[in-house]
Every structure is written in C-alpha cells, then in structure tokens.
C-alpha cells in the first residue's frame, strides 16, 4: 500500500495535489473537498461576522451558531467540489475524452448530492438540484472554451 503525502505544488502545465493518496481520482476528490471547503468556511464566517457587527451584539450563542454554520457550509461546498471533480475525472477516464458531457453528468450528480445536504429533502428538490447543477457545469464548460 502506498504512503500518503501532504504537500502543495502548482505548476504551469501540471497540477499536483495538496494530499497525495496514491490514486488520481482520490487526489482530485479530497483536494477539491479541502480547498473549496475552506472557501465555504470563509463564506459563512464573513457573513456571520458582518451580521454580528451590524447587530452590535455578540454573545456565546451567536458565536456557536457561527461555528456550526461554518462547519455545515464547509461540508456542503467541499461536497460539491469533491463530487464534481471526481465525477468529471472518472467520466474523462472512462470515455477517454474531456468534453461538455463529462461536465453535464458531473454537474447533475453534484447538484443532486448538494440538495441532499438540506434539512427538508424532497424528490423534486433533488431533481431541481440535478438539473441546475448540470446546467451550470455545462454552461461553464462551454464558456471556458469560447476564447
């Protein structure tokens, strides 16, 4: 079994991952989860800090809510990035090509997974999440190649 490594290196033509688990799919999923999960923490923290400053009242309960919300958003944002990057990579490897169809399926599964993190999950919200995720990912892929 290979040994896990933790490092950071960004090259112009190749991407190395923050965590090397020995398999490219696992590397992409974990790397996306960690990096974008951190963005989710910052997003929640800045929103709650702004809210506390405007209310000019900070107590133990508001700080506890801020930490809980930051954790939830870290998991949600990380889940989105991990599922999307893992699915698009798996599709690329399975099909042997990188195109909009990989983004479509990756976005659909990511949107469905994200909708499952909400407290009141309904079948139509999962379907809406899948459609929205597919549309955003596919549009992003098309826009990336317009230049």
C-alpha atoms as a PDB file:
ATOM      1  CA  UNK A   1       0.000   0.000   0.000  1.00  0.00           C
ATOM      2  CA  UNK A   2       1.373   3.419  -0.880  1.00  0.00           C
ATOM      3  CA  UNK A   3       2.111   6.024   1.723  1.00  0.00           C
ATOM      4  CA  UNK A   4       0.016   9.199   1.878  1.00  0.00           C
ATOM      5  CA  UNK A   5       1.807  12.504   1.420  1.00  0.00           C
ATOM      6  CA  UNK A   6       0.770  16.057   2.131  1.00  0.00           C
ATOM      7  CA  UNK A   7       2.281  18.871   0.081  1.00  0.00           C
ATOM      8  CA  UNK A   8       1.437  21.761  -2.191  1.00  0.00           C
ATOM      9  CA  UNK A   9       2.856  22.448  -5.617  1.00  0.00           C
ATOM     10  CA  UNK A  10       1.333  24.295  -8.539  1.00  0.00           C
ATOM     11  CA  UNK A  11       2.968  24.047 -11.925  1.00  0.00           C
ATOM     12  CA  UNK A  12       2.103  25.736 -15.183  1.00  0.00           C
ATOM     13  CA  UNK A  13       1.451  22.535 -17.132  1.00  0.00           C
ATOM     14  CA  UNK A  14       0.738  20.003 -14.395  1.00  0.00           C
ATOM     15  CA  UNK A  15      -1.269  20.066 -11.219  1.00  0.00           C
ATOM     16  CA  UNK A  16      -0.081  18.438  -8.054  1.00  0.00           C
ATOM     17  CA  UNK A  17      -2.446  17.973  -5.194  1.00  0.00           C
ATOM     18  CA  UNK A  18      -2.452  19.086  -1.583  1.00  0.00           C
ATOM     19  CA  UNK A  19      -2.922  15.489  -0.441  1.00  0.00           C
ATOM     20  CA  UNK A  20      -1.437  12.583  -2.384  1.00  0.00           C
ATOM     21  CA  UNK A  21      -3.392   9.419  -1.621  1.00  0.00           C
ATOM     22  CA  UNK A  22      -1.798   7.430  -4.414  1.00  0.00           C
ATOM     23  CA  UNK A  23      -4.718   7.478  -6.863  1.00  0.00           C
ATOM     24  CA  UNK A  24      -5.625  10.395  -9.156  1.00  0.00           C
ATOM     25  CA  UNK A  25      -9.376  10.077  -8.509  1.00  0.00           C
ATOM     26  CA  UNK A  26      -8.966  10.165  -4.723  1.00  0.00           C
ATOM     27  CA  UNK A  27      -6.485  13.020  -5.038  1.00  0.00           C
ATOM     28  CA  UNK A  28      -8.964  15.124  -7.020  1.00  0.00           C
ATOM     29  CA  UNK A  29     -11.897  14.418  -4.708  1.00  0.00           C
ATOM     30  CA  UNK A  30     -10.017  15.150  -1.493  1.00  0.00           C
ATOM     31  CA  UNK A  31      -8.174  18.132  -2.955  1.00  0.00           C
ATOM     32  CA  UNK A  32     -11.412  19.702  -4.185  1.00  0.00           C
ATOM     33  CA  UNK A  33     -13.159  18.986  -0.881  1.00  0.00           C
ATOM     34  CA  UNK A  34     -10.390  20.542   1.223  1.00  0.00           C
ATOM     35  CA  UNK A  35      -9.781  23.615  -0.934  1.00  0.00           C
ATOM     36  CA  UNK A  36     -13.382  24.541  -1.652  1.00  0.00           C
ATOM     37  CA  UNK A  37     -14.500  23.508   1.847  1.00  0.00           C
ATOM     38  CA  UNK A  38     -12.134  26.182   3.128  1.00  0.00           C
ATOM     39  CA  UNK A  39     -13.884  28.706   0.905  1.00  0.00           C
ATOM     40  CA  UNK A  40     -17.200  27.610   2.442  1.00  0.00           C
ATOM     41  CA  UNK A  41     -15.836  28.284   5.934  1.00  0.00           C
ATOM     42  CA  UNK A  42     -14.687  31.757   4.910  1.00  0.00           C
ATOM     43  CA  UNK A  43     -18.028  32.474   3.238  1.00  0.00           C
ATOM     44  CA  UNK A  44     -20.039  31.569   6.340  1.00  0.00           C
ATOM     45  CA  UNK A  45     -17.636  33.325   8.711  1.00  0.00           C
ATOM     46  CA  UNK A  46     -17.685  36.607   6.795  1.00  0.00           C
ATOM     47  CA  UNK A  47     -21.474  36.601   6.514  1.00  0.00           C
ATOM     48  CA  UNK A  48     -21.935  35.904  10.216  1.00  0.00           C
ATOM     49  CA  UNK A  49     -19.236  38.390  11.253  1.00  0.00           C
ATOM     50  CA  UNK A  50     -20.951  41.083   9.187  1.00  0.00           C
ATOM     51  CA  UNK A  51     -24.293  40.225  10.746  1.00  0.00           C
ATOM     52  CA  UNK A  52     -22.793  40.433  14.244  1.00  0.00           C
ATOM     53  CA  UNK A  53     -21.162  43.791  13.510  1.00  0.00           C
ATOM     54  CA  UNK A  54     -24.420  45.252  12.226  1.00  0.00           C
ATOM     55  CA  UNK A  55     -26.335  43.982  15.260  1.00  0.00           C
ATOM     56  CA  UNK A  56     -23.539  45.226  17.530  1.00  0.00           C
ATOM     57  CA  UNK A  57     -24.221  42.292  19.804  1.00  0.00           C
ATOM     58  CA  UNK A  58     -22.061  39.223  20.197  1.00  0.00           C
ATOM     59  CA  UNK A  59     -22.722  36.504  22.698  1.00  0.00           C
ATOM     60  CA  UNK A  60     -21.819  32.871  23.210  1.00  0.00           C
ATOM     61  CA  UNK A  61     -24.919  31.662  21.341  1.00  0.00           C
ATOM     62  CA  UNK A  62     -24.179  33.765  18.242  1.00  0.00           C
ATOM     63  CA  UNK A  63     -20.576  32.526  18.164  1.00  0.00           C
ATOM     64  CA  UNK A  64     -21.734  28.894  18.498  1.00  0.00           C
ATOM     65  CA  UNK A  65     -24.167  29.418  15.606  1.00  0.00           C
ATOM     66  CA  UNK A  66     -21.358  30.913  13.538  1.00  0.00           C
ATOM     67  CA  UNK A  67     -19.124  27.873  14.100  1.00  0.00           C
ATOM     68  CA  UNK A  68     -21.968  25.436  13.307  1.00  0.00           C
ATOM     69  CA  UNK A  69     -22.863  27.289  10.126  1.00  0.00           C
ATOM     70  CA  UNK A  70     -19.220  27.461   9.054  1.00  0.00           C
ATOM     71  CA  UNK A  71     -18.902  23.702   9.514  1.00  0.00           C
ATOM     72  CA  UNK A  72     -22.079  22.988   7.576  1.00  0.00           C
ATOM     73  CA  UNK A  73     -21.048  25.230   4.696  1.00  0.00           C
ATOM     74  CA  UNK A  74     -17.553  23.714   4.644  1.00  0.00           C
ATOM     75  CA  UNK A  75     -19.092  20.263   4.193  1.00  0.00           C
ATOM     76  CA  UNK A  76     -21.584  21.469   1.584  1.00  0.00           C
ATOM     77  CA  UNK A  77     -19.059  23.402  -0.501  1.00  0.00           C
ATOM     78  CA  UNK A  78     -16.479  20.632  -0.121  1.00  0.00           C
ATOM     79  CA  UNK A  79     -19.022  18.016  -1.155  1.00  0.00           C
ATOM     80  CA  UNK A  80     -19.871  19.984  -4.275  1.00  0.00           C
ATOM     81  CA  UNK A  81     -16.225  20.333  -5.287  1.00  0.00           C
ATOM     82  CA  UNK A  82     -15.275  16.769  -4.416  1.00  0.00           C
ATOM     83  CA  UNK A  83     -18.193  15.138  -6.203  1.00  0.00           C
ATOM     84  CA  UNK A  84     -17.854  17.363  -9.264  1.00  0.00           C
ATOM     85  CA  UNK A  85     -14.102  16.964  -9.702  1.00  0.00           C
ATOM     86  CA  UNK A  86     -14.281  13.226  -9.021  1.00  0.00           C
ATOM     87  CA  UNK A  87     -17.145  12.637 -11.441  1.00  0.00           C
ATOM     88  CA  UNK A  88     -15.680  14.682 -14.256  1.00  0.00           C
ATOM     89  CA  UNK A  89     -12.340  12.905 -13.847  1.00  0.00           C
ATOM     90  CA  UNK A  90     -13.995   9.463 -13.756  1.00  0.00           C
ATOM     91  CA  UNK A  91     -16.034  10.279 -16.864  1.00  0.00           C
ATOM     92  CA  UNK A  92     -12.936  11.549 -18.650  1.00  0.00           C
ATOM     93  CA  UNK A  93     -11.057   8.352 -17.830  1.00  0.00           C
ATOM     94  CA  UNK A  94     -13.996   6.095 -18.780  1.00  0.00           C
ATOM     95  CA  UNK A  95     -14.796   7.862 -22.049  1.00  0.00           C
ATOM     96  CA  UNK A  96     -11.235   8.808 -22.982  1.00  0.00           C
ATOM     97  CA  UNK A  97     -12.188  12.400 -23.740  1.00  0.00           C
ATOM     98  CA  UNK A  98     -12.772  15.665 -21.907  1.00  0.00           C
ATOM     99  CA  UNK A  99     -15.896  17.428 -23.160  1.00  0.00           C
ATOM    100  CA  UNK A 100     -19.169  19.004 -22.080  1.00  0.00           C
ATOM    101  CA  UNK A 101     -20.821  15.614 -21.495  1.00  0.00           C
ATOM    102  CA  UNK A 102     -18.481  14.945 -18.575  1.00  0.00           C
ATOM    103  CA  UNK A 103     -19.417  18.310 -17.090  1.00  0.00           C
ATOM    104  CA  UNK A 104     -23.114  17.595 -17.646  1.00  0.00           C
ATOM    105  CA  UNK A 105     -23.081  14.336 -15.704  1.00  0.00           C
ATOM    106  CA  UNK A 106     -20.708  15.650 -13.041  1.00  0.00           C
ATOM    107  CA  UNK A 107     -22.889  18.716 -12.537  1.00  0.00           C
ATOM    108  CA  UNK A 108     -26.091  16.666 -12.346  1.00  0.00           C
ATOM    109  CA  UNK A 109     -24.714  14.320  -9.695  1.00  0.00           C
ATOM    110  CA  UNK A 110     -23.177  17.213  -7.792  1.00  0.00           C
ATOM    111  CA  UNK A 111     -26.446  19.162  -7.783  1.00  0.00           C
ATOM    112  CA  UNK A 112     -28.357  16.113  -6.565  1.00  0.00           C
ATOM    113  CA  UNK A 113     -25.778  15.444  -3.829  1.00  0.00           C
ATOM    114  CA  UNK A 114     -25.850  19.073  -2.723  1.00  0.00           C
ATOM    115  CA  UNK A 115     -29.640  19.061  -2.443  1.00  0.00           C
ATOM    116  CA  UNK A 116     -29.381  16.014  -0.168  1.00  0.00           C
ATOM    117  CA  UNK A 117     -27.472  18.108   2.400  1.00  0.00           C
ATOM    118  CA  UNK A 118     -30.519  20.294   3.080  1.00  0.00           C
ATOM    119  CA  UNK A 119     -32.679  19.607   6.136  1.00  0.00           C
ATOM    120  CA  UNK A 120     -36.009  19.009   4.343  1.00  0.00           C
ATOM    121  CA  UNK A 121     -35.179  16.835   1.326  1.00  0.00           C
ATOM    122  CA  UNK A 122     -37.898  16.204  -1.248  1.00  0.00           C
ATOM    123  CA  UNK A 123     -37.736  14.337  -4.529  1.00  0.00           C
ATOM    124  CA  UNK A 124     -38.456  17.436  -6.607  1.00  0.00           C
ATOM    125  CA  UNK A 125     -35.687  19.402  -4.877  1.00  0.00           C
ATOM    126  CA  UNK A 126     -33.179  16.650  -5.723  1.00  0.00           C
ATOM    127  CA  UNK A 127     -34.309  16.724  -9.359  1.00  0.00           C
ATOM    128  CA  UNK A 128     -34.124  20.532  -9.447  1.00  0.00           C
ATOM    129  CA  UNK A 129     -30.626  20.374  -7.929  1.00  0.00           C
ATOM    130  CA  UNK A 130     -29.517  17.862 -10.557  1.00  0.00           C
ATOM    131  CA  UNK A 131     -30.894  19.969 -13.419  1.00  0.00           C
ATOM    132  CA  UNK A 132     -29.395  23.172 -12.036  1.00  0.00           C
ATOM    133  CA  UNK A 133     -26.003  21.555 -11.422  1.00  0.00           C
ATOM    134  CA  UNK A 134     -25.959  20.074 -14.911  1.00  0.00           C
ATOM    135  CA  UNK A 135     -26.899  23.404 -16.494  1.00  0.00           C
ATOM    136  CA  UNK A 136     -24.289  25.411 -14.566  1.00  0.00           C
ATOM    137  CA  UNK A 137     -21.490  22.901 -15.166  1.00  0.00           C
ATOM    138  CA  UNK A 138     -22.268  22.546 -18.865  1.00  0.00           C
ATOM    139  CA  UNK A 139     -22.517  26.299 -19.369  1.00  0.00           C
ATOM    140  CA  UNK A 140     -19.235  26.730 -17.535  1.00  0.00           C
ATOM    141  CA  UNK A 141     -17.574  24.180 -19.796  1.00  0.00           C
ATOM    142  CA  UNK A 142     -18.883  25.916 -22.925  1.00  0.00           C
ATOM    143  CA  UNK A 143     -17.805  29.343 -21.642  1.00  0.00           C
ATOM    144  CA  UNK A 144     -14.341  28.018 -20.804  1.00  0.00           C
ATOM    145  CA  UNK A 145     -13.788  27.116 -24.466  1.00  0.00           C
ATOM    146  CA  UNK A 146     -15.183  30.295 -26.064  1.00  0.00           C
ATOM    147  CA  UNK A 147     -11.869  32.164 -26.124  1.00  0.00           C
END
